[in-house]
Amino acid sequence: MTTPRKLAEVLAARTAVRREAAERRSRGAKAQLVARLRALPGIERAWLIGSLGKPHFGERSDADVVMEGLSADAWGRTWSDLQLGLEVSLDLLRLEELEPDFAERVRTEGELVVGS
């Protein structure tokens, strides 16, 4: 017979499994993405923003990257190269195209992974 306590234990175990899977997915995607970003030529700086690598990264989360020094002409090719084989969807932004307030938030709150 299923008791409320047993049901709560099963639900807690399922939640823990999902959380662990999301953390593994986040760590793997972040490591892969950072390695690819660091290998790109001509990029002045790159930041990770959003939930990637954070505890609230979930099944539907994506990777948000802001790059400085990426030409508009190279955006599509760069996005495609970075997205290829990545386990999560990628949002790629150019710092030069952001509103000044948002760009400042990226610089101060984002995780700088390329440049200094």
N, C-alpha and C. Protein backbone atom coordinates (compact mmCIF):
# COMPACT_ATOMS: atom_id res chain seq x y z
N MET A 1 0.82 -1.17 0.00
CA MET A 1 0.00 0.00 0.00
C MET A 1 0.88 1.25 0.00
N THR A 2 0.49 2.21 -0.82
CA THR A 2 1.23 3.45 -0.89
C THR A 2 0.72 4.41 0.17
N THR A 3 1.66 4.86 0.97
CA THR A 3 1.32 5.81 2.03
C THR A 3 1.75 7.21 1.58
N PRO A 4 1.20 8.23 2.19
CA PRO A 4 1.65 9.58 1.85
C PRO A 4 3.16 9.76 2.03
N ARG A 5 3.69 9.13 3.06
CA ARG A 5 5.14 9.23 3.28
C ARG A 5 5.92 8.57 2.15
N LYS A 6 5.48 7.39 1.73
CA LYS A 6 6.15 6.67 0.64
C LYS A 6 6.06 7.49 -0.66
N LEU A 7 4.90 8.05 -0.93
CA LEU A 7 4.70 8.88 -2.11
C LEU A 7 5.63 10.09 -2.08
N ALA A 8 5.74 10.73 -0.92
CA ALA A 8 6.63 11.89 -0.78
C ALA A 8 8.08 11.49 -1.03
N GLU A 9 8.50 10.32 -0.57
CA GLU A 9 9.86 9.84 -0.80
C GLU A 9 10.11 9.60 -2.28
N VAL A 10 9.14 9.00 -2.96
CA VAL A 10 9.28 8.74 -4.39
C VAL A 10 9.39 10.06 -5.17
N LEU A 11 8.52 11.00 -4.83
CA LEU A 11 8.56 12.30 -5.51
C LEU A 11 9.86 13.04 -5.23
N ALA A 12 10.35 12.99 -4.03
CA ALA A 12 11.62 13.62 -3.69
C ALA A 12 12.77 12.97 -4.44
N ALA A 13 12.75 11.66 -4.58
CA ALA A 13 13.79 10.95 -5.32
C ALA A 13 13.76 11.34 -6.79
N ARG A 14 12.58 11.42 -7.37
CA ARG A 14 12.45 11.83 -8.78
C ARG A 14 12.98 13.25 -8.99
N THR A 15 12.65 14.13 -8.07
CA THR A 15 13.12 15.51 -8.16
C THR A 15 14.64 15.56 -8.08
N ALA A 16 15.21 14.79 -7.19
CA ALA A 16 16.67 14.75 -7.05
C ALA A 16 17.33 14.23 -8.32
N VAL A 17 16.75 13.22 -8.95
CA VAL A 17 17.30 12.67 -10.19
C VAL A 17 17.25 13.72 -11.28
N ARG A 18 16.12 14.43 -11.40
CA ARG A 18 15.99 15.48 -12.43
C ARG A 18 16.98 16.61 -12.17
N ARG A 19 17.13 17.02 -10.91
CA ARG A 19 18.06 18.09 -10.58
C ARG A 19 19.50 17.68 -10.90
N GLU A 20 19.85 16.46 -10.57
CA GLU A 20 21.20 15.96 -10.86
C GLU A 20 21.45 15.92 -12.37
N ALA A 21 20.46 15.48 -13.14
CA ALA A 21 20.60 15.43 -14.60
C ALA A 21 20.77 16.83 -15.16
N ALA A 22 20.01 17.79 -14.65
CA ALA A 22 20.12 19.18 -15.12
C ALA A 22 21.50 19.75 -14.78
N GLU A 23 22.01 19.43 -13.61
CA GLU A 23 23.34 19.92 -13.21
C GLU A 23 24.42 19.33 -14.10
N ARG A 24 24.33 18.04 -14.41
CA ARG A 24 25.30 17.40 -15.31
C ARG A 24 25.23 18.04 -16.69
N ARG A 25 24.01 18.24 -17.19
CA ARG A 25 23.82 18.85 -18.50
C ARG A 25 24.40 20.26 -18.52
N SER A 26 24.15 21.02 -17.47
CA SER A 26 24.66 22.38 -17.36
C SER A 26 26.19 22.41 -17.33
N ARG A 27 26.78 21.56 -16.49
CA ARG A 27 28.25 21.52 -16.40
C ARG A 27 28.88 21.14 -17.73
N GLY A 28 28.30 20.12 -18.38
CA GLY A 28 28.84 19.67 -19.66
C GLY A 28 28.72 20.73 -20.74
N ALA A 29 27.55 21.34 -20.83
CA ALA A 29 27.34 22.38 -21.85
C ALA A 29 28.24 23.58 -21.59
N LYS A 30 28.38 23.96 -20.32
CA LYS A 30 29.21 25.11 -20.00
C LYS A 30 30.68 24.84 -20.35
N ALA A 31 31.19 23.68 -19.97
CA ALA A 31 32.58 23.34 -20.27
C ALA A 31 32.82 23.32 -21.78
N GLN A 32 31.92 22.71 -22.51
CA GLN A 32 32.05 22.63 -23.97
C GLN A 32 32.00 24.03 -24.59
N LEU A 33 31.06 24.83 -24.16
CA LEU A 33 30.89 26.16 -24.72
C LEU A 33 32.08 27.07 -24.40
N VAL A 34 32.55 27.04 -23.17
CA VAL A 34 33.68 27.88 -22.78
C VAL A 34 34.92 27.48 -23.59
N ALA A 35 35.16 26.20 -23.77
CA ALA A 35 36.31 25.75 -24.56
C ALA A 35 36.20 26.26 -26.00
N ARG A 36 35.02 26.18 -26.57
CA ARG A 36 34.83 26.67 -27.95
C ARG A 36 35.01 28.18 -28.04
N LEU A 37 34.48 28.90 -27.05
CA LEU A 37 34.63 30.36 -27.06
C LEU A 37 36.09 30.77 -26.97
N ARG A 38 36.84 30.08 -26.12
CA ARG A 38 38.26 30.43 -25.95
C ARG A 38 39.09 30.11 -27.18
N ALA A 39 38.60 29.22 -28.03
CA ALA A 39 39.32 28.84 -29.24
C ALA A 39 39.00 29.76 -30.42
N LEU A 40 38.00 30.62 -30.27
CA LEU A 40 37.63 31.51 -31.37
C LEU A 40 38.65 32.63 -31.55
N PRO A 41 39.07 32.88 -32.77
CA PRO A 41 40.00 33.99 -33.00
C PRO A 41 39.25 35.32 -33.06
N GLY A 42 39.90 36.38 -32.66
CA GLY A 42 39.37 37.72 -32.85
C GLY A 42 38.28 38.16 -31.90
N ILE A 43 38.02 37.41 -30.85
CA ILE A 43 37.00 37.79 -29.89
C ILE A 43 37.69 38.51 -28.74
N GLU A 44 37.25 39.73 -28.47
CA GLU A 44 37.86 40.49 -27.39
C GLU A 44 37.46 39.94 -26.02
N ARG A 45 36.13 39.79 -25.84
CA ARG A 45 35.62 39.27 -24.58
C ARG A 45 34.32 38.52 -24.83
N ALA A 46 34.04 37.58 -23.93
CA ALA A 46 32.77 36.85 -23.98
C ALA A 46 32.31 36.59 -22.56
N TRP A 47 31.00 36.75 -22.35
CA TRP A 47 30.39 36.55 -21.05
C TRP A 47 29.28 35.52 -21.16
N LEU A 48 29.13 34.72 -20.12
CA LEU A 48 27.95 33.89 -19.98
C LEU A 48 26.99 34.65 -19.08
N ILE A 49 25.74 34.71 -19.50
CA ILE A 49 24.71 35.33 -18.68
C ILE A 49 23.57 34.32 -18.57
N GLY A 50 22.65 34.57 -17.69
CA GLY A 50 21.52 33.65 -17.57
C GLY A 50 21.82 32.49 -16.64
N SER A 51 21.14 31.39 -16.88
CA SER A 51 21.13 30.29 -15.90
C SER A 51 22.20 29.23 -16.10
N LEU A 52 22.91 29.24 -17.22
CA LEU A 52 23.92 28.20 -17.46
C LEU A 52 24.96 28.21 -16.35
N GLY A 53 25.15 27.06 -15.73
CA GLY A 53 26.11 26.93 -14.65
C GLY A 53 25.58 27.36 -13.30
N LYS A 54 24.30 27.68 -13.23
CA LYS A 54 23.70 28.11 -11.98
C LYS A 54 22.71 27.05 -11.48
N PRO A 55 22.41 27.07 -10.19
CA PRO A 55 21.51 26.04 -9.63
C PRO A 55 20.12 26.00 -10.26
N HIS A 56 19.64 27.11 -10.80
CA HIS A 56 18.30 27.12 -11.37
C HIS A 56 18.26 26.74 -12.85
N PHE A 57 19.36 26.21 -13.39
CA PHE A 57 19.38 25.71 -14.76
C PHE A 57 18.45 24.50 -14.82
N GLY A 58 17.56 24.47 -15.79
CA GLY A 58 16.58 23.40 -15.86
C GLY A 58 16.52 22.74 -17.22
N GLU A 59 15.56 21.86 -17.39
CA GLU A 59 15.41 21.10 -18.63
C GLU A 59 15.21 21.99 -19.84
N ARG A 60 14.55 23.11 -19.68
CA ARG A 60 14.25 24.00 -20.80
C ARG A 60 15.20 25.19 -20.89
N SER A 61 16.20 25.23 -20.04
CA SER A 61 17.14 26.35 -20.03
C SER A 61 18.03 26.32 -21.27
N ASP A 62 18.53 27.50 -21.61
CA ASP A 62 19.44 27.61 -22.75
C ASP A 62 20.74 28.26 -22.29
N ALA A 63 21.65 28.44 -23.23
CA ALA A 63 22.92 29.11 -22.95
C ALA A 63 22.85 30.50 -23.56
N ASP A 64 23.16 31.50 -22.77
CA ASP A 64 23.15 32.89 -23.22
C ASP A 64 24.57 33.41 -23.19
N VAL A 65 25.05 33.84 -24.36
CA VAL A 65 26.43 34.32 -24.49
C VAL A 65 26.40 35.71 -25.11
N VAL A 66 27.20 36.60 -24.54
CA VAL A 66 27.39 37.93 -25.11
C VAL A 66 28.85 38.03 -25.50
N MET A 67 29.09 38.44 -26.74
CA MET A 67 30.46 38.55 -27.23
C MET A 67 30.77 39.99 -27.62
N GLU A 68 31.97 40.41 -27.33
CA GLU A 68 32.46 41.72 -27.75
C GLU A 68 33.54 41.49 -28.80
N GLY A 69 33.43 42.22 -29.90
CA GLY A 69 34.41 42.09 -30.96
C GLY A 69 33.99 41.14 -32.07
N LEU A 70 32.83 40.54 -31.96
CA LEU A 70 32.31 39.66 -33.00
C LEU A 70 31.66 40.52 -34.07
N SER A 71 32.14 40.43 -35.29
CA SER A 71 31.56 41.24 -36.36
C SER A 71 30.16 40.73 -36.70
N ALA A 72 29.33 41.64 -37.17
CA ALA A 72 27.98 41.26 -37.56
C ALA A 72 28.01 40.22 -38.68
N ASP A 73 28.98 40.33 -39.57
CA ASP A 73 29.11 39.37 -40.68
C ASP A 73 29.45 37.97 -40.20
N ALA A 74 30.15 37.87 -39.08
CA ALA A 74 30.58 36.56 -38.58
C ALA A 74 29.59 35.94 -37.60
N TRP A 75 28.53 36.68 -37.25
CA TRP A 75 27.60 36.21 -36.24
C TRP A 75 26.98 34.85 -36.60
N GLY A 76 26.43 34.72 -37.79
CA GLY A 76 25.73 33.48 -38.17
C GLY A 76 26.65 32.27 -38.17
N ARG A 77 27.83 32.41 -38.73
CA ARG A 77 28.79 31.31 -38.76
C ARG A 77 29.24 30.95 -37.34
N THR A 78 29.47 31.97 -36.52
CA THR A 78 29.91 31.73 -35.14
C THR A 78 28.82 31.04 -34.35
N TRP A 79 27.58 31.52 -34.47
CA TRP A 79 26.46 30.87 -33.78
C TRP A 79 26.37 29.41 -34.20
N SER A 80 26.44 29.14 -35.49
CA SER A 80 26.33 27.78 -36.00
C SER A 80 27.45 26.89 -35.46
N ASP A 81 28.67 27.41 -35.49
CA ASP A 81 29.82 26.63 -34.98
C ASP A 81 29.68 26.33 -33.49
N LEU A 82 29.22 27.32 -32.73
CA LEU A 82 29.06 27.12 -31.28
C LEU A 82 27.90 26.18 -30.97
N GLN A 83 26.82 26.29 -31.73
CA GLN A 83 25.61 25.49 -31.47
C GLN A 83 25.80 24.03 -31.84
N LEU A 84 26.62 23.77 -32.83
CA LEU A 84 26.81 22.41 -33.34
C LEU A 84 27.24 21.45 -32.23
N GLY A 85 26.41 20.47 -31.94
CA GLY A 85 26.72 19.46 -30.94
C GLY A 85 26.51 19.90 -29.50
N LEU A 86 26.12 21.14 -29.29
CA LEU A 86 25.86 21.63 -27.95
C LEU A 86 24.53 21.06 -27.48
N GLU A 87 24.47 20.59 -26.25
CA GLU A 87 23.27 19.93 -25.73
C GLU A 87 22.14 20.89 -25.40
N VAL A 88 22.38 22.18 -25.45
CA VAL A 88 21.36 23.18 -25.14
C VAL A 88 21.27 24.19 -26.27
N SER A 89 20.15 24.87 -26.34
CA SER A 89 19.99 25.94 -27.33
C SER A 89 20.90 27.11 -26.94
N LEU A 90 21.30 27.86 -27.94
CA LEU A 90 22.24 28.96 -27.73
C LEU A 90 21.64 30.27 -28.18
N ASP A 91 21.69 31.26 -27.30
CA ASP A 91 21.38 32.64 -27.66
C ASP A 91 22.71 33.38 -27.68
N LEU A 92 23.05 33.94 -28.83
CA LEU A 92 24.32 34.64 -29.01
C LEU A 92 24.04 36.11 -29.30
N LEU A 93 24.56 36.98 -28.45
CA LEU A 93 24.35 38.41 -28.59
C LEU A 93 25.68 39.11 -28.80
N ARG A 94 25.63 40.23 -29.51
CA ARG A 94 26.81 41.07 -29.68
C ARG A 94 26.69 42.25 -28.71
N LEU A 95 27.73 42.45 -27.90
CA LEU A 95 27.72 43.53 -26.92
C LEU A 95 27.47 44.87 -27.60
N GLU A 96 28.02 45.05 -28.77
CA GLU A 96 27.91 46.30 -29.50
C GLU A 96 26.46 46.64 -29.89
N GLU A 97 25.58 45.67 -29.89
CA GLU A 97 24.20 45.89 -30.29
C GLU A 97 23.24 46.04 -29.09
N LEU A 98 23.75 45.90 -27.89
CA LEU A 98 22.90 45.96 -26.71
C LEU A 98 22.65 47.40 -26.27
N GLU A 99 21.52 47.60 -25.62
CA GLU A 99 21.24 48.89 -25.00
C GLU A 99 22.32 49.15 -23.94
N PRO A 100 22.74 50.39 -23.75
CA PRO A 100 23.83 50.68 -22.80
C PRO A 100 23.62 50.11 -21.40
N ASP A 101 22.41 50.19 -20.86
CA ASP A 101 22.16 49.67 -19.51
C ASP A 101 22.35 48.16 -19.45
N PHE A 102 21.86 47.48 -20.47
CA PHE A 102 22.00 46.02 -20.51
C PHE A 102 23.46 45.64 -20.69
N ALA A 103 24.17 46.36 -21.56
CA ALA A 103 25.59 46.08 -21.77
C ALA A 103 26.37 46.25 -20.47
N GLU A 104 26.03 47.26 -19.70
CA GLU A 104 26.70 47.46 -18.41
C GLU A 104 26.40 46.32 -17.44
N ARG A 105 25.17 45.85 -17.44
CA ARG A 105 24.82 44.70 -16.59
C ARG A 105 25.62 43.46 -16.99
N VAL A 106 25.79 43.26 -18.30
CA VAL A 106 26.59 42.13 -18.78
C VAL A 106 28.00 42.25 -18.24
N ARG A 107 28.59 43.43 -18.37
CA ARG A 107 29.97 43.65 -17.92
C ARG A 107 30.13 43.43 -16.41
N THR A 108 29.14 43.82 -15.64
CA THR A 108 29.28 43.74 -14.18
C THR A 108 28.74 42.44 -13.58
N GLU A 109 27.70 41.85 -14.20
CA GLU A 109 27.08 40.68 -13.59
C GLU A 109 27.34 39.39 -14.36
N GLY A 110 27.73 39.49 -15.62
CA GLY A 110 27.98 38.30 -16.42
C GLY A 110 29.27 37.60 -15.97
N GLU A 111 29.40 36.36 -16.38
CA GLU A 111 30.62 35.60 -16.07
C GLU A 111 31.57 35.73 -17.26
N LEU A 112 32.62 36.50 -17.09
CA LEU A 112 33.61 36.71 -18.14
C LEU A 112 34.40 35.42 -18.34
N VAL A 113 34.32 34.85 -19.54
CA VAL A 113 34.99 33.57 -19.82
C VAL A 113 36.07 33.70 -20.89
N VAL A 114 36.09 34.84 -21.61
CA VAL A 114 37.14 35.13 -22.59
C VAL A 114 37.54 36.57 -22.39
N GLY A 115 38.83 36.82 -22.36
CA GLY A 115 39.34 38.19 -22.19
C GLY A 115 39.55 38.53 -20.74
N SER A 116 39.82 39.81 -20.54
CA SER A 116 40.04 40.27 -19.16
C SER A 116 39.52 41.67 -18.99
